[in-house]
């Protein structure tokens, strides 16, 4: 499957900084159409999405991913140009090599080989590709899913090509993700001179006991698949910058990564009840970034583990660790969802790269997964 190397390089060479697709999806369409796929471009605002499908009957297996990448950072810090794919030390260097243009190439090559070897395969195969995963994620996968749901087009199994591996390719399958809930809290006080505290009301002092209590709460114990829910303060700001002014407001931003043992509404109620107990004058804005999801043992997980073992001779560990992915938009439709991709050691970093042999192995894993599910 040597095509996977050249296809990865061709995608890296397109500077698709989110939400710009930069022609990546057009290249994918050309590849997929040669294997009998019908391509549908869905453009929402500044985001280009691709829904490509072969077949009309269930079950529907879907490869999901994104063509957009994060900015390169300072060009001078890179050893090679970030948008000129460079082979070095048995790796391919360039922005998006591991996250996730290498996965996209492996998906397409695996699919081409599968369709060639099993022209009468069962069910259908689809690709759901967006250019909005690294950005605000409002006009990408979630909008495509809304469109598919409106026309009752259901995904049964979905593999998201996010870089899930840690030490070697295929050592980890992400079979779920924690939910994410962000709170933007403003504690109100009265600004004044530090020499006259009786004429002011310091929101930092007022908020400190409540914030300390929030940071010490055990929200749940987790379960067999998820670690306990975590609470982290990510930003905090108060004051004018002057050392002799009591601030009038304190701004605090925090985030929950929560398990399936608790809901976002339960977290909101508990936080607001605590703030009220401390008699704080506050406003709070909540942002739901995604619900937790879990794909337990079943056809997709079992087939993925078997495919990995066939290719590498080693078992894969199931994990729900890490951040969010577009799988959170697909799982609520009832689809089984997993993530399987390259080693994630250099994603979003200067000199991002992926091992060439890993891409060959990954494409073989995808191929054998298709065989197990649809042959």
Protein backbone atom coordinates (compact mmCIF):
# COMPACT_ATOMS: atom_id res chain seq x y z
CA UNK A 1 0.00 0.00 0.00
CA UNK A 2 2.80 2.44 -0.90
CA UNK A 3 0.23 4.93 -2.21
CA UNK A 4 -0.40 5.97 1.39
CA UNK A 5 2.97 7.78 1.55
CA UNK A 6 2.46 9.80 -1.62
CA UNK A 7 -1.13 10.65 -0.72
CA UNK A 8 -0.11 11.82 2.76
CA UNK A 9 2.52 14.09 1.24
CA UNK A 10 0.06 15.49 -1.30
CA UNK A 11 -2.35 16.43 1.49
CA UNK A 12 0.38 17.98 3.69
CA UNK A 13 1.44 20.15 0.76
CA UNK A 14 -1.94 21.88 0.85
CA UNK A 15 -1.81 24.61 3.59
CA UNK A 16 -5.26 23.91 5.02
CA UNK A 17 -5.11 26.01 8.18
CA UNK A 18 -8.56 25.88 9.80
CA UNK A 19 -11.14 26.46 8.40
CA UNK A 20 -9.52 26.54 4.96
CA UNK A 21 -9.67 23.16 3.21
CA UNK A 22 -7.16 24.39 0.57
CA UNK A 23 -8.26 21.75 -1.96
CA UNK A 24 -7.69 18.68 0.22
CA UNK A 25 -11.25 17.46 -0.14
CA UNK A 26 -11.13 17.86 -3.91
CA UNK A 27 -8.14 15.53 -3.97
CA UNK A 28 -10.03 13.08 -1.77
CA UNK A 29 -13.07 13.24 -4.04
CA UNK A 30 -10.95 12.36 -7.05
CA UNK A 31 -9.55 9.34 -5.22
CA UNK A 32 -12.89 8.16 -3.90
CA UNK A 33 -14.81 8.62 -7.15
CA UNK A 34 -12.42 6.17 -8.79
CA UNK A 35 -13.64 3.57 -6.28
CA UNK A 36 -17.31 4.20 -7.01
CA UNK A 37 -18.12 6.78 -4.33
CA UNK A 38 -20.72 9.51 -4.87
CA UNK A 39 -19.39 12.81 -3.51
CA UNK A 40 -21.48 15.54 -1.90
CA UNK A 41 -19.93 18.83 -0.83
CA UNK A 42 -21.65 20.62 2.03
CA UNK A 43 -20.56 24.20 2.66
CA UNK A 44 -21.75 25.90 5.84
CA UNK A 45 -20.53 29.47 6.34
CA UNK A 46 -16.70 29.33 6.20
CA UNK A 47 -16.44 25.53 6.37
CA UNK A 48 -16.19 22.97 3.59
CA UNK A 49 -17.42 19.45 4.34
CA UNK A 50 -17.45 16.26 2.31
CA UNK A 51 -19.97 13.43 2.52
CA UNK A 52 -18.88 10.64 0.20
CA UNK A 53 -20.74 7.34 0.06
CA UNK A 54 -20.60 4.05 -1.81
CA UNK A 55 -23.71 1.90 -1.52
CA UNK A 56 -27.22 2.58 -0.30
CA UNK A 57 -27.92 -0.35 2.00
CA UNK A 58 -27.18 -0.84 5.71
CA UNK A 59 -25.05 -1.37 7.63
CA UNK A 60 -23.18 1.87 6.97
CA UNK A 61 -19.53 2.09 7.99
CA UNK A 62 -18.12 5.62 8.05
CA UNK A 63 -14.57 6.95 8.14
CA UNK A 64 -14.61 10.41 9.78
CA UNK A 65 -11.88 13.02 9.92
CA UNK A 66 -10.73 16.54 9.15
CA UNK A 67 -8.56 18.21 6.55
CA UNK A 68 -7.91 21.38 8.55
CA UNK A 69 -4.79 21.79 10.65
CA UNK A 70 -3.65 24.17 13.37
CA UNK A 71 -1.34 27.07 12.41
CA UNK A 72 2.31 26.17 11.97
CA UNK A 73 3.70 28.67 14.45
CA UNK A 74 6.95 30.48 13.58
CA UNK A 75 8.37 29.12 10.33
CA UNK A 76 11.89 29.74 11.58
CA UNK A 77 11.36 27.15 14.33
CA UNK A 78 10.74 24.33 11.85
CA UNK A 79 13.61 22.24 10.52
CA UNK A 80 11.71 21.82 7.25
CA UNK A 81 8.87 23.93 5.75
CA UNK A 82 5.62 22.92 7.49
CA UNK A 83 3.62 22.80 4.27
CA UNK A 84 6.22 21.02 2.17
CA UNK A 85 6.05 17.34 3.05
CA UNK A 86 9.60 16.14 3.72
CA UNK A 87 10.82 12.57 4.11
CA UNK A 88 13.53 12.25 6.73
CA UNK A 89 14.60 9.56 9.20
CA UNK A 90 11.88 7.19 7.90
CA UNK A 91 9.26 9.81 8.74
CA UNK A 92 7.17 12.37 6.89
CA UNK A 93 7.47 15.87 8.34
CA UNK A 94 4.87 18.60 7.94
CA UNK A 95 1.88 20.20 9.63
CA UNK A 96 -0.95 17.69 9.77
CA UNK A 97 1.26 14.64 9.18
CA UNK A 98 -0.08 12.95 12.33
CA UNK A 99 -3.20 15.07 12.91
CA UNK A 100 -4.63 13.86 10.67
CA UNK A 101 -3.66 13.79 7.00
CA UNK A 102 -1.78 10.55 7.41
CA UNK A 103 -4.98 8.92 8.70
CA UNK A 104 -6.99 10.28 5.76
CA UNK A 105 -4.51 8.80 3.32
CA UNK A 106 -4.55 5.45 5.13
CA UNK A 107 -8.36 5.41 5.04
CA UNK A 108 -8.54 6.06 1.30
CA UNK A 109 -5.87 3.54 0.36
CA UNK A 110 -7.42 0.87 2.59
CA UNK A 111 -10.84 1.53 1.10
CA UNK A 112 -9.56 1.34 -2.47
CA UNK A 113 -7.93 -2.02 -1.78
CA UNK A 114 -11.02 -3.32 0.02
CA UNK A 115 -13.41 -2.32 -2.77
CA UNK A 116 -11.10 -3.90 -5.32
CA UNK A 117 -10.79 -7.15 -3.37
CA UNK A 118 -14.48 -7.33 -2.32
CA UNK A 119 -16.54 -5.66 -5.07
CA UNK A 120 -19.74 -7.29 -3.77
CA UNK A 121 -19.20 -6.34 -0.12
CA UNK A 122 -22.10 -5.95 2.29
CA UNK A 123 -23.63 -2.63 3.28
CA UNK A 124 -22.15 0.77 2.49
CA UNK A 125 -18.99 2.78 3.15
CA UNK A 126 -18.88 6.54 3.68
CA UNK A 127 -16.44 9.35 4.43
CA UNK A 128 -17.45 12.33 6.60
CA UNK A 129 -14.72 14.95 6.29
CA UNK A 130 -14.70 18.52 7.63
CA UNK A 131 -12.40 21.55 7.63
CA UNK A 132 -13.71 22.80 10.99
CA UNK A 133 -12.39 20.33 13.59
CA UNK A 134 -9.44 22.43 14.78
CA UNK A 135 -11.50 25.63 14.86
CA UNK A 136 -14.79 26.54 16.53
CA UNK A 137 -16.36 23.23 15.34
CA UNK A 138 -19.78 24.79 14.69
CA UNK A 139 -20.05 24.48 10.90
CA UNK A 140 -18.40 21.11 10.42
CA UNK A 141 -19.29 17.59 11.47
CA UNK A 142 -22.18 18.71 13.66
CA UNK A 143 -23.88 20.42 10.68
CA UNK A 144 -23.30 17.41 8.43
CA UNK A 145 -24.82 15.11 11.05
CA UNK A 146 -27.85 17.42 11.29
CA UNK A 147 -28.26 17.11 7.53
CA UNK A 148 -27.94 13.33 7.56
CA UNK A 149 -30.37 13.01 10.46
CA UNK A 150 -32.92 15.19 8.65
CA UNK A 151 -32.94 12.75 5.74
CA UNK A 152 -32.79 9.69 8.01
CA UNK A 153 -29.35 8.61 6.79
CA UNK A 154 -27.93 6.60 9.68
CA UNK A 155 -24.32 5.66 10.43
CA UNK A 156 -23.97 2.27 12.13
CA UNK A 157 -20.21 2.17 12.72
CA UNK A 158 -17.80 5.10 12.64
CA UNK A 159 -14.02 5.23 12.85
CA UNK A 160 -12.53 8.66 13.52
CA UNK A 161 -8.89 8.85 12.43
CA UNK A 162 -7.64 10.98 15.31
CA UNK A 163 -4.08 10.13 16.47
CA UNK A 164 -5.00 7.74 19.28
CA UNK A 165 -1.76 5.79 19.58
CA UNK A 166 0.85 6.52 22.26
CA UNK A 167 3.96 4.33 22.00
CA UNK A 168 3.35 2.43 18.75
CA UNK A 169 0.61 2.54 16.15
CA UNK A 170 -2.45 0.60 17.19
CA UNK A 171 -1.60 0.32 20.88
CA UNK A 172 -4.65 2.37 21.90
CA UNK A 173 -8.21 2.54 20.64
CA UNK A 174 -10.28 5.42 21.96
CA UNK A 175 -13.72 3.90 22.50
CA UNK A 176 -15.21 6.97 24.15
CA UNK A 177 -14.53 10.50 25.31
CA UNK A 178 -15.33 12.50 28.39
CA UNK A 179 -17.83 15.33 28.19
CA UNK A 180 -16.64 18.93 28.30
CA UNK A 181 -18.41 21.82 30.03
CA UNK A 182 -16.95 25.32 30.39
CA UNK A 183 -18.05 27.97 32.83
CA UNK A 184 -17.25 31.67 32.45
CA UNK A 185 -17.84 33.17 35.89
CA UNK A 186 -17.87 36.85 36.86
CA UNK A 187 -17.86 37.66 40.60
CA UNK A 188 -19.01 41.21 41.22
CA UNK A 189 -17.56 43.48 43.87
CA UNK A 190 -17.02 47.23 44.38
CA UNK A 191 -13.84 48.86 43.13
CA UNK A 192 -11.97 51.09 45.56
CA UNK A 193 -8.67 52.19 47.06
CA UNK A 194 -6.73 49.51 48.95
CA UNK A 195 -6.22 51.97 51.82
CA UNK A 196 -10.01 52.23 52.30
CA UNK A 197 -11.25 48.62 52.12
CA UNK A 198 -14.38 49.50 54.10
CA UNK A 199 -15.51 51.55 51.10
CA UNK A 200 -14.95 48.71 48.63
CA UNK A 201 -15.86 45.06 48.19
CA UNK A 202 -13.05 42.79 47.05
CA UNK A 203 -14.39 40.02 44.74
CA UNK A 204 -11.12 38.09 44.95
CA UNK A 205 -11.44 37.69 48.69
CA UNK A 206 -15.14 36.87 48.38
CA UNK A 207 -14.61 34.24 45.70
CA UNK A 208 -11.55 32.52 47.17
CA UNK A 209 -13.41 30.19 49.61
CA UNK A 210 -15.89 29.14 46.93
CA UNK A 211 -13.14 28.46 44.37
CA UNK A 212 -11.18 26.46 46.94
CA UNK A 213 -14.26 24.38 47.69
CA UNK A 214 -14.98 23.79 43.98
CA UNK A 215 -11.43 22.61 43.41
CA UNK A 216 -11.61 20.10 46.26
CA UNK A 217 -14.96 18.45 45.48
CA UNK A 218 -15.09 14.82 44.36
CA UNK A 219 -17.71 15.05 41.63
CA UNK A 220 -17.90 11.31 41.02
CA UNK A 221 -15.74 8.19 41.25
CA UNK A 222 -15.65 7.42 37.53
CA UNK A 223 -16.26 3.88 36.34
CA UNK A 224 -14.59 1.01 34.49
CA UNK A 225 -14.15 3.15 31.37
CA UNK A 226 -13.88 6.72 32.66
CA UNK A 227 -11.69 8.39 35.29
CA UNK A 228 -13.43 10.62 37.85
CA UNK A 229 -14.78 13.92 36.62
CA UNK A 230 -12.19 16.71 36.85
CA UNK A 231 -12.59 20.43 37.56
CA UNK A 232 -9.84 22.80 36.43
CA UNK A 233 -9.57 26.60 36.54
CA UNK A 234 -7.99 27.66 33.26
CA UNK A 235 -8.09 31.46 33.46
CA UNK A 236 -8.48 33.96 36.28
CA UNK A 237 -8.26 37.75 36.14
CA UNK A 238 -9.09 40.68 38.38
CA UNK A 239 -7.87 44.23 38.84
CA UNK A 240 -6.67 47.14 36.78
CA UNK A 241 -2.99 46.34 36.92
CA UNK A 242 -2.40 48.92 39.62
CA UNK A 243 -1.23 47.76 43.02
CA UNK A 244 -3.41 50.19 44.99
CA UNK A 245 -6.82 49.41 43.48
CA UNK A 246 -9.29 46.84 44.78
CA UNK A 247 -10.87 45.25 41.68
CA UNK A 248 -14.53 45.63 40.93
CA UNK A 249 -14.86 42.22 39.26
CA UNK A 250 -13.14 38.86 39.17
CA UNK A 251 -13.30 36.81 35.99
CA UNK A 252 -12.81 33.04 36.32
CA UNK A 253 -12.93 30.49 33.50
CA UNK A 254 -13.07 26.80 34.41
CA UNK A 255 -13.74 23.49 32.70
CA UNK A 256 -15.21 20.13 33.62
CA UNK A 257 -14.14 16.95 31.85
CA UNK A 258 -16.90 14.67 33.01
CA UNK A 259 -17.69 10.99 32.92
CA UNK A 260 -20.94 9.19 32.21
CA UNK A 261 -21.53 9.07 35.98
CA UNK A 262 -22.79 12.66 35.99
CA UNK A 263 -24.64 14.95 33.59
CA UNK A 264 -23.84 18.51 32.58
CA UNK A 265 -27.09 19.71 34.15
CA UNK A 266 -26.14 18.11 37.46
CA UNK A 267 -22.76 19.85 37.40
CA UNK A 268 -24.37 23.20 36.65
CA UNK A 269 -26.85 22.84 39.49
CA UNK A 270 -24.13 21.87 41.98
CA UNK A 271 -21.84 24.75 41.01
CA UNK A 272 -24.59 27.37 41.14
CA UNK A 273 -25.88 26.03 44.45
CA UNK A 274 -22.39 26.36 45.94
CA UNK A 275 -21.97 29.91 44.63
CA UNK A 276 -25.34 30.80 46.14
CA UNK A 277 -24.35 29.24 49.47
CA UNK A 278 -21.36 31.59 49.55
CA UNK A 279 -23.75 34.50 48.90
CA UNK A 280 -21.79 35.72 45.89
CA UNK A 281 -23.05 38.33 43.46
CA UNK A 282 -22.23 36.68 40.16
CA UNK A 283 -23.11 35.95 36.55
CA UNK A 284 -22.10 32.78 34.76
CA UNK A 285 -22.16 31.66 31.15
CA UNK A 286 -22.09 27.93 30.41
CA UNK A 287 -20.73 26.43 27.19
CA UNK A 288 -21.44 22.80 26.37
CA UNK A 289 -18.53 21.49 24.30
CA UNK A 290 -19.73 17.90 24.08
CA UNK A 291 -21.42 15.09 25.94
CA UNK A 292 -19.50 11.99 27.02
CA UNK A 293 -19.90 8.92 24.85
CA UNK A 294 -18.86 5.31 25.11
CA UNK A 295 -18.77 2.40 22.67
CA UNK A 296 -18.60 -0.82 24.61
CA UNK A 297 -17.69 -4.28 23.44
CA UNK A 298 -19.44 -5.13 20.19
CA UNK A 299 -18.93 -5.50 16.47
CA UNK A 300 -16.86 -2.34 15.95
CA UNK A 301 -14.59 -2.58 18.99
CA UNK A 302 -14.09 -6.33 18.59
CA UNK A 303 -13.31 -6.03 14.87
CA UNK A 304 -10.86 -3.17 15.44
CA UNK A 305 -9.00 -5.10 18.12
CA UNK A 306 -8.84 -8.19 15.91
CA UNK A 307 -7.60 -6.15 12.93
CA UNK A 308 -4.84 -4.55 15.01
CA UNK A 309 -3.72 -7.90 16.41
CA UNK A 310 -3.64 -9.37 12.91
CA UNK A 311 -1.39 -6.57 11.67
CA UNK A 312 0.89 -6.00 14.68
CA UNK A 313 0.58 -9.21 16.69
CA UNK A 314 -0.13 -7.06 19.75
CA UNK A 315 -3.37 -6.26 21.61
CA UNK A 316 -4.84 -2.77 21.73
CA UNK A 317 -5.85 -1.03 24.94
CA UNK A 318 -9.25 0.65 25.19
CA UNK A 319 -9.14 4.22 26.52
CA UNK A 320 -11.36 7.26 26.99
CA UNK A 321 -8.52 9.62 27.98
CA UNK A 322 -7.65 12.85 26.24
CA UNK A 323 -9.65 15.75 24.90
CA UNK A 324 -12.73 15.88 22.70
CA UNK A 325 -13.16 14.84 19.08
CA UNK A 326 -15.86 15.04 16.44
CA UNK A 327 -16.96 11.61 17.59
CA UNK A 328 -19.07 13.49 20.16
CA UNK A 329 -21.35 14.69 17.35
CA UNK A 330 -21.73 11.26 15.76
CA UNK A 331 -22.25 9.02 18.80
CA UNK A 332 -25.57 10.62 19.89
CA UNK A 333 -27.19 9.39 16.65
CA UNK A 334 -26.82 5.83 17.91
CA UNK A 335 -23.65 4.99 16.00
CA UNK A 336 -20.85 2.92 17.49
CA UNK A 337 -17.78 5.21 17.42
CA UNK A 338 -14.08 4.59 17.95
CA UNK A 339 -10.89 6.53 17.24
CA UNK A 340 -7.83 4.86 15.76
CA UNK A 341 -4.89 6.71 14.27
CA UNK A 342 -1.13 7.35 14.41
CA UNK A 343 1.11 8.05 17.39
CA UNK A 344 0.19 11.43 18.88
CA UNK A 345 3.59 12.47 20.30
CA UNK A 346 4.14 15.39 17.89
CA UNK A 347 0.63 16.62 17.11
CA UNK A 348 0.26 20.43 17.15
CA UNK A 349 4.01 20.70 17.75
CA UNK A 350 6.86 22.22 15.76
CA UNK A 351 8.30 19.57 13.40
CA UNK A 352 5.17 17.42 13.51
CA UNK A 353 5.83 14.09 11.82
CA UNK A 354 4.58 10.57 11.33
CA UNK A 355 6.48 7.34 10.78
CA UNK A 356 6.11 6.03 7.24
CA UNK A 357 5.92 2.42 8.35
CA UNK A 358 3.19 3.34 10.83
CA UNK A 359 1.06 4.70 7.98
CA UNK A 360 1.45 1.45 6.07
CA UNK A 361 0.43 -0.51 9.17
CA UNK A 362 -2.48 1.82 9.89
CA UNK A 363 -3.83 1.39 6.37
CA UNK A 364 -3.63 -2.38 6.79
CA UNK A 365 -5.55 -2.12 10.08
CA UNK A 366 -8.29 -0.12 8.38
CA UNK A 367 -8.40 -2.67 5.55
CA UNK A 368 -8.78 -5.66 7.85
CA UNK A 369 -11.43 -3.81 9.87
CA UNK A 370 -13.47 -3.36 6.69
CA UNK A 371 -12.98 -7.03 5.86
CA UNK A 372 -14.30 -8.12 9.25
CA UNK A 373 -17.33 -5.87 9.13
CA UNK A 374 -18.37 -5.86 5.49
CA UNK A 375 -16.74 -8.70 3.54
